Amino acid sequence: MKTIETDVIVTQDGRIRIDLKLPTDVPPGRHRAVVVLDEWLAAPTSRVERSLADFPVHDLGPWPEDLSLRRADLYGDDER
């Protein structure tokens, strides 16, 4: 079994148009294919670039000066 990802175009009459060149090791003949539509990609007409600047930020102030993130301090003496 092979996984091949590609973009498809859905026409007004509900058909899918695929322009895909398969690897040479796929023999001609009848094959079973599964189509999964990712609706997130279908909503915008153009690709939206996202960056970390798009995420919400909650400033909770500075960390306490005596904060220790050592494993022994986080989990106790048995370090679990």
PDB file of N, CA and C in Angstrom:
ATOM      1  N   MET A   1       0.845  -1.179   0.000  1.00  0.00           N
ATOM      2  CA  MET A   1       0.000   0.000   0.000  1.00  0.00           C
ATOM      3  C   MET A   1       0.883   1.232   0.000  1.00  0.00           C
ATOM      4  N   LYS A   2       0.491   2.223  -0.762  1.00  0.00           N
ATOM      5  CA  LYS A   2       1.236   3.477  -0.856  1.00  0.00           C
ATOM      6  C   LYS A   2       0.339   4.614  -0.414  1.00  0.00           C
ATOM      7  N   THR A   3       0.923   5.630   0.205  1.00  0.00           N
ATOM      8  CA  THR A   3       0.194   6.846   0.548  1.00  0.00           C
ATOM      9  C   THR A   3       0.698   7.955  -0.360  1.00  0.00           C
ATOM     10  N   ILE A   4      -0.215   8.554  -1.098  1.00  0.00           N
ATOM     11  CA  ILE A   4       0.126   9.644  -2.006  1.00  0.00           C
ATOM     12  C   ILE A   4      -0.778  10.813  -1.667  1.00  0.00           C
ATOM     13  N   GLU A   5      -0.188  11.946  -1.345  1.00  0.00           N
ATOM     14  CA  GLU A   5      -0.963  13.139  -1.037  1.00  0.00           C
ATOM     15  C   GLU A   5      -0.858  14.121  -2.185  1.00  0.00           C
ATOM     16  N   THR A   6      -1.995  14.713  -2.543  1.00  0.00           N
ATOM     17  CA  THR A   6      -2.020  15.706  -3.608  1.00  0.00           C
ATOM     18  C   THR A   6      -3.205  16.625  -3.389  1.00  0.00           C
ATOM     19  N   ASP A   7      -3.213  17.741  -4.072  1.00  0.00           N
ATOM     20  CA  ASP A   7      -4.354  18.653  -4.033  1.00  0.00           C
ATOM     21  C   ASP A   7      -5.306  18.275  -5.154  1.00  0.00           C
ATOM     22  N   VAL A   8      -6.597  18.428  -4.902  1.00  0.00           N
ATOM     23  CA  VAL A   8      -7.605  18.158  -5.915  1.00  0.00           C
ATOM     24  C   VAL A   8      -8.464  19.397  -6.107  1.00  0.00           C
ATOM     25  N   ILE A   9      -9.133  19.454  -7.242  1.00  0.00           N
ATOM     26  CA  ILE A   9     -10.050  20.555  -7.525  1.00  0.00           C
ATOM     27  C   ILE A   9     -11.447  19.963  -7.609  1.00  0.00           C
ATOM     28  N   VAL A  10     -12.385  20.495  -6.807  1.00  0.00           N
ATOM     29  CA  VAL A  10     -13.777  20.062  -6.853  1.00  0.00           C
ATOM     30  C   VAL A  10     -14.517  21.022  -7.777  1.00  0.00           C
ATOM     31  N   THR A  11     -15.143  20.483  -8.805  1.00  0.00           N
ATOM     32  CA  THR A  11     -15.851  21.304  -9.784  1.00  0.00           C
ATOM     33  C   THR A  11     -17.243  21.653  -9.274  1.00  0.00           C
ATOM     34  N   GLN A  12     -17.923  22.550  -9.963  1.00  0.00           N
ATOM     35  CA  GLN A  12     -19.262  22.994  -9.569  1.00  0.00           C
ATOM     36  C   GLN A  12     -20.257  21.835  -9.544  1.00  0.00           C
ATOM     37  N   ASP A  13     -20.070  20.837 -10.396  1.00  0.00           N
ATOM     38  CA  ASP A  13     -21.006  19.706 -10.424  1.00  0.00           C
ATOM     39  C   ASP A  13     -20.623  18.603  -9.440  1.00  0.00           C
ATOM     40  N   GLY A  14     -19.677  18.888  -8.529  1.00  0.00           N
ATOM     41  CA  GLY A  14     -19.331  17.948  -7.465  1.00  0.00           C
ATOM     42  C   GLY A  14     -18.354  16.866  -7.864  1.00  0.00           C
ATOM     43  N   ARG A  15     -17.638  17.035  -8.936  1.00  0.00           N
ATOM     44  CA  ARG A  15     -16.632  16.057  -9.352  1.00  0.00           C
ATOM     45  C   ARG A  15     -15.249  16.517  -8.904  1.00  0.00           C
ATOM     46  N   ILE A  16     -14.357  15.562  -8.790  1.00  0.00           N
ATOM     47  CA  ILE A  16     -12.978  15.865  -8.397  1.00  0.00           C
ATOM     48  C   ILE A  16     -12.086  15.734  -9.622  1.00  0.00           C
ATOM     49  N   ARG A  17     -11.245  16.736  -9.825  1.00  0.00           N
ATOM     50  CA  ARG A  17     -10.252  16.687 -10.887  1.00  0.00           C
ATOM     51  C   ARG A  17      -8.881  16.542 -10.234  1.00  0.00           C
ATOM     52  N   ILE A  18      -8.150  15.522 -10.639  1.00  0.00           N
ATOM     53  CA  ILE A  18      -6.837  15.238 -10.064  1.00  0.00           C
ATOM     54  C   ILE A  18      -5.801  15.264 -11.176  1.00  0.00           C
ATOM     55  N   ASP A  19      -4.745  16.031 -10.977  1.00  0.00           N
ATOM     56  CA  ASP A  19      -3.621  16.041 -11.901  1.00  0.00           C
ATOM     57  C   ASP A  19      -2.434  15.486 -11.131  1.00  0.00           C
ATOM     58  N   LEU A  20      -2.143  14.205 -11.323  1.00  0.00           N
ATOM     59  CA  LEU A  20      -1.158  13.529 -10.490  1.00  0.00           C
ATOM     60  C   LEU A  20      -0.346  12.554 -11.323  1.00  0.00           C
ATOM     61  N   LYS A  21       0.955  12.638 -11.213  1.00  0.00           N
ATOM     62  CA  LYS A  21       1.859  11.680 -11.846  1.00  0.00           C
ATOM     63  C   LYS A  21       2.233  10.669 -10.779  1.00  0.00           C
ATOM     64  N   LEU A  22       1.854   9.412 -10.994  1.00  0.00           N
ATOM     65  CA  LEU A  22       2.134   8.356 -10.024  1.00  0.00           C
ATOM     66  C   LEU A  22       3.573   7.867 -10.137  1.00  0.00           C
ATOM     67  N   PRO A  23       4.099   7.286  -9.055  1.00  0.00           N
ATOM     68  CA  PRO A  23       5.437   6.694  -9.119  1.00  0.00           C
ATOM     69  C   PRO A  23       5.473   5.574 -10.165  1.00  0.00           C
ATOM     70  N   THR A  24       6.635   5.301 -10.691  1.00  0.00           N
ATOM     71  CA  THR A  24       6.762   4.306 -11.759  1.00  0.00           C
ATOM     72  C   THR A  24       6.497   2.881 -11.281  1.00  0.00           C
ATOM     73  N   ASP A  25       6.566   2.637  -9.951  1.00  0.00           N
ATOM     74  CA  ASP A  25       6.345   1.273  -9.462  1.00  0.00           C
ATOM     75  C   ASP A  25       4.862   0.951  -9.249  1.00  0.00           C
ATOM     76  N   VAL A  26       3.951   1.857  -9.613  1.00  0.00           N
ATOM     77  CA  VAL A  26       2.520   1.574  -9.541  1.00  0.00           C
ATOM     78  C   VAL A  26       2.105   0.995 -10.889  1.00  0.00           C
ATOM     79  N   PRO A  27       1.680  -0.280 -10.898  1.00  0.00           N
ATOM     80  CA  PRO A  27       1.350  -0.906 -12.177  1.00  0.00           C
ATOM     81  C   PRO A  27       0.017  -0.386 -12.724  1.00  0.00           C
ATOM     82  N   PRO A  28      -0.146  -0.391 -14.039  1.00  0.00           N
ATOM     83  CA  PRO A  28      -1.424   0.004 -14.608  1.00  0.00           C
ATOM     84  C   PRO A  28      -2.501  -1.006 -14.235  1.00  0.00           C
ATOM     85  N   GLY A  29      -3.735  -0.567 -14.255  1.00  0.00           N
ATOM     86  CA  GLY A  29      -4.846  -1.461 -13.924  1.00  0.00           C
ATOM     87  C   GLY A  29      -5.730  -0.844 -12.860  1.00  0.00           C
ATOM     88  N   ARG A  30      -6.621  -1.651 -12.341  1.00  0.00           N
ATOM     89  CA  ARG A  30      -7.596  -1.188 -11.360  1.00  0.00           C
ATOM     90  C   ARG A  30      -6.964  -1.162  -9.965  1.00  0.00           C
ATOM     91  N   HIS A  31      -7.160  -0.057  -9.250  1.00  0.00           N
ATOM     92  CA  HIS A  31      -6.644   0.101  -7.883  1.00  0.00           C
ATOM     93  C   HIS A  31      -7.741   0.679  -7.010  1.00  0.00           C
ATOM     94  N   ARG A  32      -7.675   0.400  -5.727  1.00  0.00           N
ATOM     95  CA  ARG A  32      -8.603   0.992  -4.769  1.00  0.00           C
ATOM     96  C   ARG A  32      -7.947   2.248  -4.211  1.00  0.00           C
ATOM     97  N   ALA A  33      -8.700   3.361  -4.190  1.00  0.00           N
ATOM     98  CA  ALA A  33      -8.186   4.630  -3.673  1.00  0.00           C
ATOM     99  C   ALA A  33      -9.140   5.148  -2.608  1.00  0.00           C
ATOM    100  N   VAL A  34      -8.596   5.803  -1.595  1.00  0.00           N
ATOM    101  CA  VAL A  34      -9.386   6.414  -0.530  1.00  0.00           C
ATOM    102  C   VAL A  34      -9.142   7.916  -0.592  1.00  0.00           C
ATOM    103  N   VAL A  35     -10.214   8.703  -0.614  1.00  0.00           N
ATOM    104  CA  VAL A  35     -10.110  10.155  -0.685  1.00  0.00           C
ATOM    105  C   VAL A  35     -10.575  10.732   0.638  1.00  0.00           C
ATOM    106  N   VAL A  36      -9.717  11.533   1.272  1.00  0.00           N
ATOM    107  CA  VAL A  36     -10.052  12.226   2.521  1.00  0.00           C
ATOM    108  C   VAL A  36     -10.008  13.712   2.235  1.00  0.00           C
ATOM    109  N   LEU A  37     -11.119  14.406   2.451  1.00  0.00           N
ATOM    110  CA  LEU A  37     -11.159  15.843   2.217  1.00  0.00           C
ATOM    111  C   LEU A  37     -10.840  16.578   3.506  1.00  0.00           C
ATOM    112  N   ASP A  38      -9.817  17.401   3.474  1.00  0.00           N
ATOM    113  CA  ASP A  38      -9.435  18.232   4.609  1.00  0.00           C
ATOM    114  C   ASP A  38     -10.180  19.554   4.460  1.00  0.00           C
ATOM    115  N   GLU A  39     -11.249  19.749   5.220  1.00  0.00           N
ATOM    116  CA  GLU A  39     -12.102  20.917   5.045  1.00  0.00           C
ATOM    117  C   GLU A  39     -11.411  22.212   5.442  1.00  0.00           C
ATOM    118  N   TRP A  40     -10.373  22.143   6.263  1.00  0.00           N
ATOM    119  CA  TRP A  40      -9.660  23.365   6.633  1.00  0.00           C
ATOM    120  C   TRP A  40      -9.036  24.006   5.404  1.00  0.00           C
ATOM    121  N   LEU A  41      -8.540  23.170   4.496  1.00  0.00           N
ATOM    122  CA  LEU A  41      -7.929  23.704   3.284  1.00  0.00           C
ATOM    123  C   LEU A  41      -8.976  24.220   2.301  1.00  0.00           C
ATOM    124  N   ALA A  42     -10.205  23.710   2.393  1.00  0.00           N
ATOM    125  CA  ALA A  42     -11.235  24.102   1.439  1.00  0.00           C
ATOM    126  C   ALA A  42     -11.829  25.468   1.756  1.00  0.00           C
ATOM    127  N   ALA A  43     -11.789  25.900   3.014  1.00  0.00           N
ATOM    128  CA  ALA A  43     -12.435  27.159   3.408  1.00  0.00           C
ATOM    129  C   ALA A  43     -11.807  28.380   2.747  1.00  0.00           C
ATOM    130  N   PRO A  44     -10.511  28.636   2.901  1.00  0.00           N
ATOM    131  CA  PRO A  44      -9.945  29.816   2.227  1.00  0.00           C
ATOM    132  C   PRO A  44      -9.653  29.500   0.761  1.00  0.00           C
ATOM    133  N   THR A  45      -9.797  30.510  -0.081  1.00  0.00           N
ATOM    134  CA  THR A  45      -9.496  30.298  -1.488  1.00  0.00           C
ATOM    135  C   THR A  45      -8.000  30.368  -1.751  1.00  0.00           C
ATOM    136  N   SER A  46      -7.261  31.004  -0.874  1.00  0.00           N
ATOM    137  CA  SER A  46      -5.807  31.026  -1.010  1.00  0.00           C
ATOM    138  C   SER A  46      -5.206  30.475   0.273  1.00  0.00           C
ATOM    139  N   ARG A  47      -4.014  29.972   0.149  1.00  0.00           N
ATOM    140  CA  ARG A  47      -3.349  29.394   1.304  1.00  0.00           C
ATOM    141  C   ARG A  47      -3.001  30.473   2.328  1.00  0.00           C
ATOM    142  N   VAL A  48      -3.307  30.203   3.575  1.00  0.00           N
ATOM    143  CA  VAL A  48      -3.048  31.154   4.645  1.00  0.00           C
ATOM    144  C   VAL A  48      -1.761  30.732   5.351  1.00  0.00           C
ATOM    145  N   GLU A  49      -0.803  31.611   5.383  1.00  0.00           N
ATOM    146  CA  GLU A  49       0.435  31.330   6.102  1.00  0.00           C
ATOM    147  C   GLU A  49       0.236  31.717   7.562  1.00  0.00           C
ATOM    148  N   ARG A  50       0.584  30.822   8.449  1.00  0.00           N
ATOM    149  CA  ARG A  50       0.453  31.089   9.872  1.00  0.00           C
ATOM    150  C   ARG A  50       1.831  31.116  10.509  1.00  0.00           C
ATOM    151  N   SER A  51       1.955  31.929  11.530  1.00  0.00           N
ATOM    152  CA  SER A  51       3.216  31.993  12.244  1.00  0.00           C
ATOM    153  C   SER A  51       2.920  32.007  13.733  1.00  0.00           C
ATOM    154  N   LEU A  52       3.952  31.926  14.540  1.00  0.00           N
ATOM    155  CA  LEU A  52       3.764  31.958  15.981  1.00  0.00           C
ATOM    156  C   LEU A  52       3.196  33.292  16.444  1.00  0.00           C
ATOM    157  N   ALA A  53       3.360  34.342  15.657  1.00  0.00           N
ATOM    158  CA  ALA A  53       2.816  35.646  16.022  1.00  0.00           C
ATOM    159  C   ALA A  53       1.288  35.652  15.997  1.00  0.00           C
ATOM    160  N   ASP A  54       0.665  34.671  15.326  1.00  0.00           N
ATOM    161  CA  ASP A  54      -0.790  34.590  15.255  1.00  0.00           C
ATOM    162  C   ASP A  54      -1.418  33.994  16.514  1.00  0.00           C
ATOM    163  N   PHE A  55      -0.642  33.327  17.342  1.00  0.00           N
ATOM    164  CA  PHE A  55      -1.187  32.686  18.533  1.00  0.00           C
ATOM    165  C   PHE A  55      -1.418  33.716  19.637  1.00  0.00           C
ATOM    166  N   PRO A  56      -2.468  33.518  20.435  1.00  0.00           N
ATOM    167  CA  PRO A  56      -2.721  34.461  21.532  1.00  0.00           C
ATOM    168  C   PRO A  56      -1.636  34.349  22.608  1.00  0.00           C
ATOM    169  N   VAL A  57      -1.359  35.452  23.241  1.00  0.00           N
ATOM    170  CA  VAL A  57      -0.335  35.495  24.278  1.00  0.00           C
ATOM    171  C   VAL A  57      -0.966  36.009  25.567  1.00  0.00           C
ATOM    172  N   HIS A  58      -0.710  35.311  26.661  1.00  0.00           N
ATOM    173  CA  HIS A  58      -1.195  35.738  27.970  1.00  0.00           C
ATOM    174  C   HIS A  58       0.023  36.010  28.844  1.00  0.00           C
ATOM    175  N   ASP A  59       0.276  37.247  29.148  1.00  0.00           N
ATOM    176  CA  ASP A  59       1.419  37.614  29.970  1.00  0.00           C
ATOM    177  C   ASP A  59       1.020  37.485  31.438  1.00  0.00           C
ATOM    178  N   LEU A  60       1.626  36.548  32.128  1.00  0.00           N
ATOM    179  CA  LEU A  60       1.336  36.317  33.535  1.00  0.00           C
ATOM    180  C   LEU A  60       2.401  36.918  34.440  1.00  0.00           C
ATOM    181  N   GLY A  61       3.247  37.736  33.879  1.00  0.00           N
ATOM    182  CA  GLY A  61       4.271  38.384  34.674  1.00  0.00           C
ATOM    183  C   GLY A  61       5.531  37.547  34.770  1.00  0.00           C
ATOM    184  N   PRO A  62       6.528  38.038  35.493  1.00  0.00           N
ATOM    185  CA  PRO A  62       7.798  37.310  35.602  1.00  0.00           C
ATOM    186  C   PRO A  62       7.657  36.068  36.477  1.00  0.00           C
ATOM    187  N   TRP A  63       8.541  35.099  36.245  1.00  0.00           N
ATOM    188  CA  TRP A  63       8.571  33.903  37.076  1.00  0.00           C
ATOM    189  C   TRP A  63       9.144  34.265  38.442  1.00  0.00           C
ATOM    190  N   PRO A  64       8.747  33.546  39.469  1.00  0.00           N
ATOM    191  CA  PRO A  64       9.331  33.805  40.798  1.00  0.00           C
ATOM    192  C   PRO A  64      10.842  33.573  40.766  1.00  0.00           C
ATOM    193  N   GLU A  65      11.568  34.398  41.511  1.00  0.00           N
ATOM    194  CA  GLU A  65      13.031  34.286  41.508  1.00  0.00           C
ATOM    195  C   GLU A  65      13.513  32.962  42.091  1.00  0.00           C
ATOM    196  N   ASP A  66      12.766  32.376  43.015  1.00  0.00           N
ATOM    197  CA  ASP A  66      13.196  31.125  43.650  1.00  0.00           C
ATOM    198  C   ASP A  66      12.619  29.890  42.938  1.00  0.00           C
ATOM    199  N   LEU A  67      12.070  30.042  41.750  1.00  0.00           N
ATOM    200  CA  LEU A  67      11.490  28.919  41.015  1.00  0.00           C
ATOM    201  C   LEU A  67      12.583  27.952  40.593  1.00  0.00           C
ATOM    202  N   SER A  68      12.411  26.680  40.920  1.00  0.00           N
ATOM    203  CA  SER A  68      13.358  25.644  40.525  1.00  0.00           C
ATOM    204  C   SER A  68      12.624  24.629  39.662  1.00  0.00           C
ATOM    205  N   LEU A  69      13.178  24.336  38.518  1.00  0.00           N
ATOM    206  CA  LEU A  69      12.583  23.353  37.621  1.00  0.00           C
ATOM    207  C   LEU A  69      13.390  22.056  37.596  1.00  0.00           C
ATOM    208  N   ARG A  70      14.184  21.841  38.635  1.00  0.00           N
ATOM    209  CA  ARG A  70      14.931  20.593  38.750  1.00  0.00           C
ATOM    210  C   ARG A  70      13.959  19.443  38.972  1.00  0.00           C
ATOM    211  N   ARG A  71      14.282  18.289  38.425  1.00  0.00           N
ATOM    212  CA  ARG A  71      13.400  17.117  38.545  1.00  0.00           C
ATOM    213  C   ARG A  71      13.125  16.775  40.011  1.00  0.00           C
ATOM    214  N   ALA A  72      14.155  16.795  40.835  1.00  0.00           N
ATOM    215  CA  ALA A  72      13.982  16.452  42.253  1.00  0.00           C
ATOM    216  C   ALA A  72      13.034  17.434  42.935  1.00  0.00           C
ATOM    217  N   ASP A  73      13.071  18.707  42.545  1.00  0.00           N
ATOM    218  CA  ASP A  73      12.191  19.698  43.154  1.00  0.00           C
ATOM    219  C   ASP A  73      10.759  19.572  42.634  1.00  0.00           C
ATOM    220  N   LEU A  74      10.601  19.158  41.394  1.00  0.00           N
ATOM    221  CA  LEU A  74       9.275  19.008  40.825  1.00  0.00           C
ATOM    222  C   LEU A  74       8.558  17.758  41.335  1.00  0.00           C
ATOM    223  N   TYR A  75       9.305  16.634  41.497  1.00  0.00           N
ATOM    224  CA  TYR A  75       8.680  15.366  41.809  1.00  0.00           C
ATOM    225  C   TYR A  75       8.969  14.864  43.220  1.00  0.00           C
ATOM    226  N   GLY A  76       9.742  15.542  43.987  1.00  0.00           N
ATOM    227  CA  GLY A  76      10.013  15.108  45.342  1.00  0.00           C
ATOM    228  C   GLY A  76      11.223  14.209  45.432  1.00  0.00           C
ATOM    229  N   ASP A  77      11.416  13.591  46.607  1.00  0.00           N
ATOM    230  CA  ASP A  77      12.606  12.791  46.862  1.00  0.00           C
ATOM    231  C   ASP A  77      12.684  11.533  46.019  1.00  0.00           C
ATOM    232  N   ASP A  78      11.540  10.908  45.693  1.00  0.00           N
ATOM    233  CA  ASP A  78      11.589   9.670  44.906  1.00  0.00           C
ATOM    234  C   ASP A  78      11.625   9.958  43.395  1.00  0.00           C
ATOM    235  N   GLU A  79      11.594  11.217  43.006  1.00  0.00           N
ATOM    236  CA  GLU A  79      11.696  11.690  41.620  1.00  0.00           C
ATOM    237  C   GLU A  79      10.670  11.020  40.700  1.00  0.00           C
ATOM    238  N   ARG A  80       9.453  10.852  41.193  1.00  0.00           N
ATOM    239  CA  ARG A  80       8.370  10.314  40.359  1.00  0.00           C
ATOM    240  C   ARG A  80       7.322  11.341  40.142  1.00  0.00           C
TER     241      ARG A  80
END
